[in-house]
């Protein structure tokens, strides 16, 4: 996802009930159409009114009980962590304890849901609150709430290979769908419910690079793996690597290759707990 520039126009800070309504609406939207939904809760000193000028246009800043909440539609874990860290730094820079007191710095908890959100908005709040309880003063903890498994699309005209790769990915706690038809693949890479893609470079009526380009145009930033057991044009591979978070692996894939690819995906989609500042 391309992060738009921060607006200089003040945004409204929603009251608790309005925030709950918007959260439920966003949770229902994600349940219907897939995609991401992130929520950060901040334990902050003072009013933090200046945060209104520091949120993205599509984000929702609200009060939730005695905390501030930042609801981020269509925002993955890594993107949300950067936004939460930025706001936490602003809070700790601008807001301080009352004179003569020594309250600890603000902290934040972050949760991200992908696709089906079992329990809806309340489940996302509960996960963010759990992460907030784990956060040390001045830090954030990124957790997640997600029912089901991240979905990957395997595009390869060799049905036996595609099915075998999908099954092996499934053994690693992901969900993978084999796809051997190029026309079908062109439609499915636009589906927001897929976290990433494995795409063969050499296909019967198209290039895997061309399908990857369409996937990146529909969903910039989604990770992908290009595969090939044949000699391919190095220029085409270099072009593909410039499109986004893309890895090239030669077939047949080894277990080490697959684990490296999934490690890349885990850095870019929900599904892994990250602790401390900067995800450490």
Protein backbone atom coordinates (compact mmCIF):
# COMPACT_ATOMS: atom_id res chain seq x y z
CA UNK A 1 0.00 0.00 0.00
CA UNK A 2 1.29 3.47 -0.87
CA UNK A 3 1.15 5.69 2.20
CA UNK A 4 -0.29 9.09 1.25
CA UNK A 5 1.29 12.29 2.56
CA UNK A 6 0.27 13.41 6.03
CA UNK A 7 -2.46 16.04 5.92
CA UNK A 8 -1.96 19.40 7.59
CA UNK A 9 -5.70 19.74 8.09
CA UNK A 10 -6.95 18.87 11.59
CA UNK A 11 -8.90 15.61 11.81
CA UNK A 12 -11.78 14.99 14.19
CA UNK A 13 -11.10 12.86 17.24
CA UNK A 14 -14.10 10.56 17.45
CA UNK A 15 -15.86 9.95 20.72
CA UNK A 16 -15.89 6.42 22.11
CA UNK A 17 -19.33 5.42 20.77
CA UNK A 18 -18.65 6.81 17.29
CA UNK A 19 -15.33 4.99 17.29
CA UNK A 20 -17.03 1.69 18.15
CA UNK A 21 -19.46 2.19 15.27
CA UNK A 22 -16.66 2.87 12.78
CA UNK A 23 -14.66 -0.10 14.08
CA UNK A 24 -17.62 -2.43 13.60
CA UNK A 25 -18.18 -1.05 10.08
CA UNK A 26 -14.54 -1.63 9.13
CA UNK A 27 -14.54 -5.13 10.65
CA UNK A 28 -17.65 -6.01 8.65
CA UNK A 29 -16.04 -4.68 5.46
CA UNK A 30 -12.93 -6.79 5.99
CA UNK A 31 -15.07 -9.84 6.72
CA UNK A 32 -16.89 -9.34 3.40
CA UNK A 33 -14.00 -8.53 1.11
CA UNK A 34 -10.76 -9.51 2.85
CA UNK A 35 -7.80 -7.26 3.38
CA UNK A 36 -6.22 -5.73 6.48
CA UNK A 37 -7.42 -3.76 9.48
CA UNK A 38 -5.06 -2.43 12.16
CA UNK A 39 -5.74 -0.80 15.52
CA UNK A 40 -3.27 0.92 17.85
CA UNK A 41 -4.16 1.89 21.41
CA UNK A 42 -2.07 4.52 23.18
CA UNK A 43 -1.71 5.03 26.92
CA UNK A 44 -0.83 8.73 26.81
CA UNK A 45 -0.34 11.55 29.25
CA UNK A 46 -2.36 14.72 28.61
CA UNK A 47 -4.76 15.50 25.81
CA UNK A 48 -2.55 14.76 22.79
CA UNK A 49 -4.81 17.02 20.71
CA UNK A 50 -1.92 17.73 18.33
CA UNK A 51 -2.23 14.16 17.02
CA UNK A 52 -5.16 15.31 14.90
CA UNK A 53 -2.68 16.81 12.44
CA UNK A 54 -0.49 13.71 12.34
CA UNK A 55 -2.76 10.99 10.99
CA UNK A 56 -3.27 9.89 7.41
CA UNK A 57 -6.45 10.84 5.59
CA UNK A 58 -7.87 7.32 5.67
CA UNK A 59 -7.04 6.70 9.34
CA UNK A 60 -9.43 7.29 12.24
CA UNK A 61 -8.26 8.87 15.50
CA UNK A 62 -10.54 8.35 18.49
CA UNK A 63 -10.87 8.22 22.22
CA UNK A 64 -11.40 4.77 23.72
CA UNK A 65 -12.09 4.89 27.45
CA UNK A 66 -8.98 6.57 28.94
CA UNK A 67 -6.83 5.94 25.85
CA UNK A 68 -6.33 7.19 22.33
CA UNK A 69 -7.09 4.79 19.46
CA UNK A 70 -5.82 4.89 15.89
CA UNK A 71 -7.85 2.76 13.49
CA UNK A 72 -6.04 2.07 10.19
CA UNK A 73 -8.13 0.49 7.40
CA UNK A 74 -6.29 -1.54 4.74
CA UNK A 75 -3.04 -1.31 6.69
CA UNK A 76 -0.81 -4.33 7.26
CA UNK A 77 1.19 -5.03 10.40
CA UNK A 78 4.47 -3.55 9.17
CA UNK A 79 2.79 -0.36 7.91
CA UNK A 80 0.75 0.00 11.09
CA UNK A 81 3.84 -0.50 13.25
CA UNK A 82 5.57 2.40 11.51
CA UNK A 83 2.51 4.63 11.99
CA UNK A 84 2.15 3.64 15.66
CA UNK A 85 5.82 4.27 16.34
CA UNK A 86 5.63 7.68 14.69
CA UNK A 87 2.64 8.75 16.79
CA UNK A 88 4.17 7.32 19.96
CA UNK A 89 7.29 9.41 19.34
CA UNK A 90 5.12 12.50 18.85
CA UNK A 91 3.23 11.86 22.07
CA UNK A 92 6.40 11.39 24.07
CA UNK A 93 7.96 14.48 22.49
CA UNK A 94 5.00 16.81 22.93
CA UNK A 95 3.23 15.44 26.00
CA UNK A 96 4.91 15.23 29.38
CA UNK A 97 3.80 14.55 32.94
CA UNK A 98 2.35 17.41 35.01
CA UNK A 99 4.97 19.58 36.67
CA UNK A 100 6.42 17.92 39.73
CA UNK A 101 5.31 14.44 38.71
CA UNK A 102 7.26 11.64 37.07
CA UNK A 103 4.71 9.61 35.12
CA UNK A 104 6.28 7.11 32.69
CA UNK A 105 6.38 7.81 28.94
CA UNK A 106 3.40 6.82 26.81
CA UNK A 107 3.18 3.28 25.44
CA UNK A 108 1.17 1.66 22.67
CA UNK A 109 -0.33 -1.69 21.72
CA UNK A 110 -1.02 -2.70 18.14
CA UNK A 111 -3.20 -5.42 16.66
CA UNK A 112 -3.83 -6.32 13.03
CA UNK A 113 -6.57 -8.50 11.59
CA UNK A 114 -6.54 -10.13 8.18
CA UNK A 115 -9.68 -11.33 6.40
CA UNK A 116 -12.13 -13.07 8.73
CA UNK A 117 -12.26 -11.30 12.08
CA UNK A 118 -13.82 -13.73 14.54
CA UNK A 119 -15.47 -11.60 17.20
CA UNK A 120 -15.42 -8.45 15.06
CA UNK A 121 -14.30 -5.13 16.48
CA UNK A 122 -14.28 -6.21 20.16
CA UNK A 123 -11.76 -8.96 19.35
CA UNK A 124 -9.45 -6.43 17.70
CA UNK A 125 -9.72 -4.10 20.72
CA UNK A 126 -9.00 -7.00 23.09
CA UNK A 127 -5.85 -7.94 21.14
CA UNK A 128 -4.60 -4.34 21.10
CA UNK A 129 -5.27 -3.99 24.83
CA UNK A 130 -3.37 -7.22 25.50
CA UNK A 131 -0.41 -5.88 23.53
CA UNK A 132 -0.63 -2.55 25.38
CA UNK A 133 -0.39 -4.34 28.73
CA UNK A 134 2.84 -5.96 27.56
CA UNK A 135 4.42 -2.70 26.40
CA UNK A 136 7.13 -1.14 28.54
CA UNK A 137 7.04 2.64 29.10
CA UNK A 138 7.98 4.46 25.91
CA UNK A 139 7.54 1.35 23.75
CA UNK A 140 4.89 -0.38 21.68
CA UNK A 141 4.12 -4.06 21.30
CA UNK A 142 2.72 -5.30 18.00
CA UNK A 143 0.41 -8.26 18.36
CA UNK A 144 -2.33 -9.47 16.06
CA UNK A 145 -5.73 -11.09 15.97
CA UNK A 146 -6.52 -13.25 12.98
CA UNK A 147 -8.82 -16.20 12.46
CA UNK A 148 -7.86 -18.49 9.63
CA UNK A 149 -4.49 -18.49 7.92
CA UNK A 150 -2.85 -16.07 5.49
CA UNK A 151 -3.71 -17.07 1.91
CA UNK A 152 -1.14 -17.41 -0.85
CA UNK A 153 -1.75 -17.99 -4.56
CA UNK A 154 0.47 -20.45 -6.46
CA UNK A 155 0.42 -19.78 -10.24
CA UNK A 156 2.05 -22.56 -12.29
CA UNK A 157 0.86 -24.45 -15.37
CA UNK A 158 2.29 -27.69 -13.93
CA UNK A 159 -0.64 -28.94 -11.84
CA UNK A 160 1.39 -31.57 -10.00
CA UNK A 161 4.01 -29.02 -8.97
CA UNK A 162 1.42 -26.36 -8.03
CA UNK A 163 -0.52 -28.79 -5.84
CA UNK A 164 2.62 -30.13 -4.18
CA UNK A 165 3.88 -26.62 -3.41
CA UNK A 166 0.47 -25.60 -2.04
CA UNK A 167 0.42 -28.66 0.22
CA UNK A 168 3.94 -27.98 1.48
CA UNK A 169 3.04 -24.35 2.22
CA UNK A 170 -0.04 -25.61 4.05
CA UNK A 171 2.17 -27.69 6.35
CA UNK A 172 3.81 -24.42 7.42
CA UNK A 173 0.57 -22.91 8.78
CA UNK A 174 -0.31 -20.97 5.65
CA UNK A 175 -3.14 -21.56 3.20
CA UNK A 176 -2.16 -21.88 -0.47
CA UNK A 177 -4.36 -22.22 -3.55
CA UNK A 178 -2.92 -23.71 -6.78
CA UNK A 179 -3.89 -21.99 -10.02
CA UNK A 180 -2.89 -23.38 -13.43
CA UNK A 181 -5.02 -21.24 -15.76
CA UNK A 182 -3.49 -17.93 -16.85
CA UNK A 183 -6.82 -16.14 -17.34
CA UNK A 184 -7.97 -17.27 -13.90
CA UNK A 185 -4.65 -16.16 -12.39
CA UNK A 186 -5.04 -12.66 -13.86
CA UNK A 187 -8.32 -12.29 -11.97
CA UNK A 188 -7.23 -13.92 -8.74
CA UNK A 189 -4.10 -11.80 -8.25
CA UNK A 190 -6.47 -8.83 -7.87
CA UNK A 191 -8.25 -10.53 -4.94
CA UNK A 192 -7.58 -8.62 -1.71
CA UNK A 193 -7.80 -11.82 0.36
CA UNK A 194 -4.42 -13.10 -0.93
CA UNK A 195 -1.41 -12.11 1.18
CA UNK A 196 1.14 -12.93 -1.51
CA UNK A 197 1.98 -14.94 -4.60
CA UNK A 198 4.21 -17.68 -5.98
CA UNK A 199 4.31 -17.23 -9.78
CA UNK A 200 6.11 -19.26 -12.43
CA UNK A 201 7.94 -17.04 -14.89
CA UNK A 202 7.29 -19.19 -17.99
CA UNK A 203 3.58 -19.76 -18.63
CA UNK A 204 1.82 -21.01 -21.80
CA UNK A 205 0.19 -17.77 -22.98
CA UNK A 206 1.77 -15.14 -20.79
CA UNK A 207 4.78 -14.19 -18.74
CA UNK A 208 4.74 -14.56 -14.98
CA UNK A 209 6.34 -11.12 -14.82
CA UNK A 210 3.31 -9.70 -16.62
CA UNK A 211 0.96 -11.33 -14.08
CA UNK A 212 3.15 -10.04 -11.25
CA UNK A 213 2.94 -6.53 -12.69
CA UNK A 214 -0.87 -6.76 -12.67
CA UNK A 215 -0.82 -8.03 -9.08
CA UNK A 216 1.39 -5.16 -7.94
CA UNK A 217 -0.75 -2.62 -9.79
CA UNK A 218 -3.84 -3.90 -7.95
CA UNK A 219 -2.14 -4.24 -4.54
CA UNK A 220 1.22 -2.45 -4.28
CA UNK A 221 3.52 -3.93 -1.69
CA UNK A 222 2.16 -7.46 -1.60
CA UNK A 223 5.14 -9.86 -1.49
CA UNK A 224 5.73 -12.32 -4.31
CA UNK A 225 8.08 -15.10 -5.37
CA UNK A 226 8.95 -15.64 -9.03
CA UNK A 227 9.99 -19.20 -9.88
CA UNK A 228 11.55 -20.83 -12.91
CA UNK A 229 13.19 -24.11 -13.81
CA UNK A 230 14.25 -22.75 -17.21
CA UNK A 231 16.67 -20.13 -18.40
CA UNK A 232 14.95 -16.75 -18.31
CA UNK A 233 15.85 -13.25 -19.44
CA UNK A 234 17.90 -11.64 -16.63
CA UNK A 235 16.52 -8.25 -17.64
CA UNK A 236 12.96 -9.44 -17.05
CA UNK A 237 13.89 -10.72 -13.61
CA UNK A 238 15.59 -7.45 -12.69
CA UNK A 239 12.49 -5.58 -13.82
CA UNK A 240 10.31 -7.83 -11.67
CA UNK A 241 12.53 -7.31 -8.62
CA UNK A 242 12.05 -3.55 -9.01
CA UNK A 243 8.26 -3.83 -8.76
CA UNK A 244 8.18 -4.39 -4.99
CA UNK A 245 9.06 -7.03 -2.39
CA UNK A 246 9.86 -9.78 -4.92
CA UNK A 247 12.17 -12.79 -4.60
CA UNK A 248 13.39 -15.00 -7.45
CA UNK A 249 13.93 -18.72 -6.79
CA UNK A 250 14.95 -21.46 -9.19
CA UNK A 251 12.88 -24.62 -9.42
CA UNK A 252 12.76 -27.11 -7.92
CA UNK A 253 12.37 -25.20 -4.67
CA UNK A 254 14.29 -26.50 -1.68
CA UNK A 255 12.86 -26.39 1.83
CA UNK A 256 15.39 -23.65 2.64
CA UNK A 257 14.17 -21.60 -0.35
CA UNK A 258 10.57 -21.95 0.74
CA UNK A 259 11.34 -21.04 4.33
CA UNK A 260 13.21 -17.93 3.16
CA UNK A 261 10.25 -16.87 1.04
CA UNK A 262 7.76 -17.36 3.87
CA UNK A 263 10.06 -15.45 6.22
CA UNK A 264 9.82 -12.50 3.81
CA UNK A 265 6.03 -12.80 3.77
CA UNK A 266 5.89 -12.82 7.59
CA UNK A 267 7.67 -9.48 7.68
CA UNK A 268 5.02 -7.92 5.43
CA UNK A 269 1.70 -9.49 6.43
CA UNK A 270 0.01 -10.17 9.76
CA UNK A 271 0.76 -13.43 11.50
CA UNK A 272 3.83 -12.89 13.65
CA UNK A 273 4.21 -11.27 17.07
CA UNK A 274 6.75 -8.46 17.20
CA UNK A 275 7.93 -6.90 20.45
CA UNK A 276 9.55 -3.63 21.45
CA UNK A 277 10.37 -0.56 19.45
CA UNK A 278 10.97 -0.91 15.73
CA UNK A 279 9.51 -4.43 15.91
CA UNK A 280 12.43 -5.86 17.87
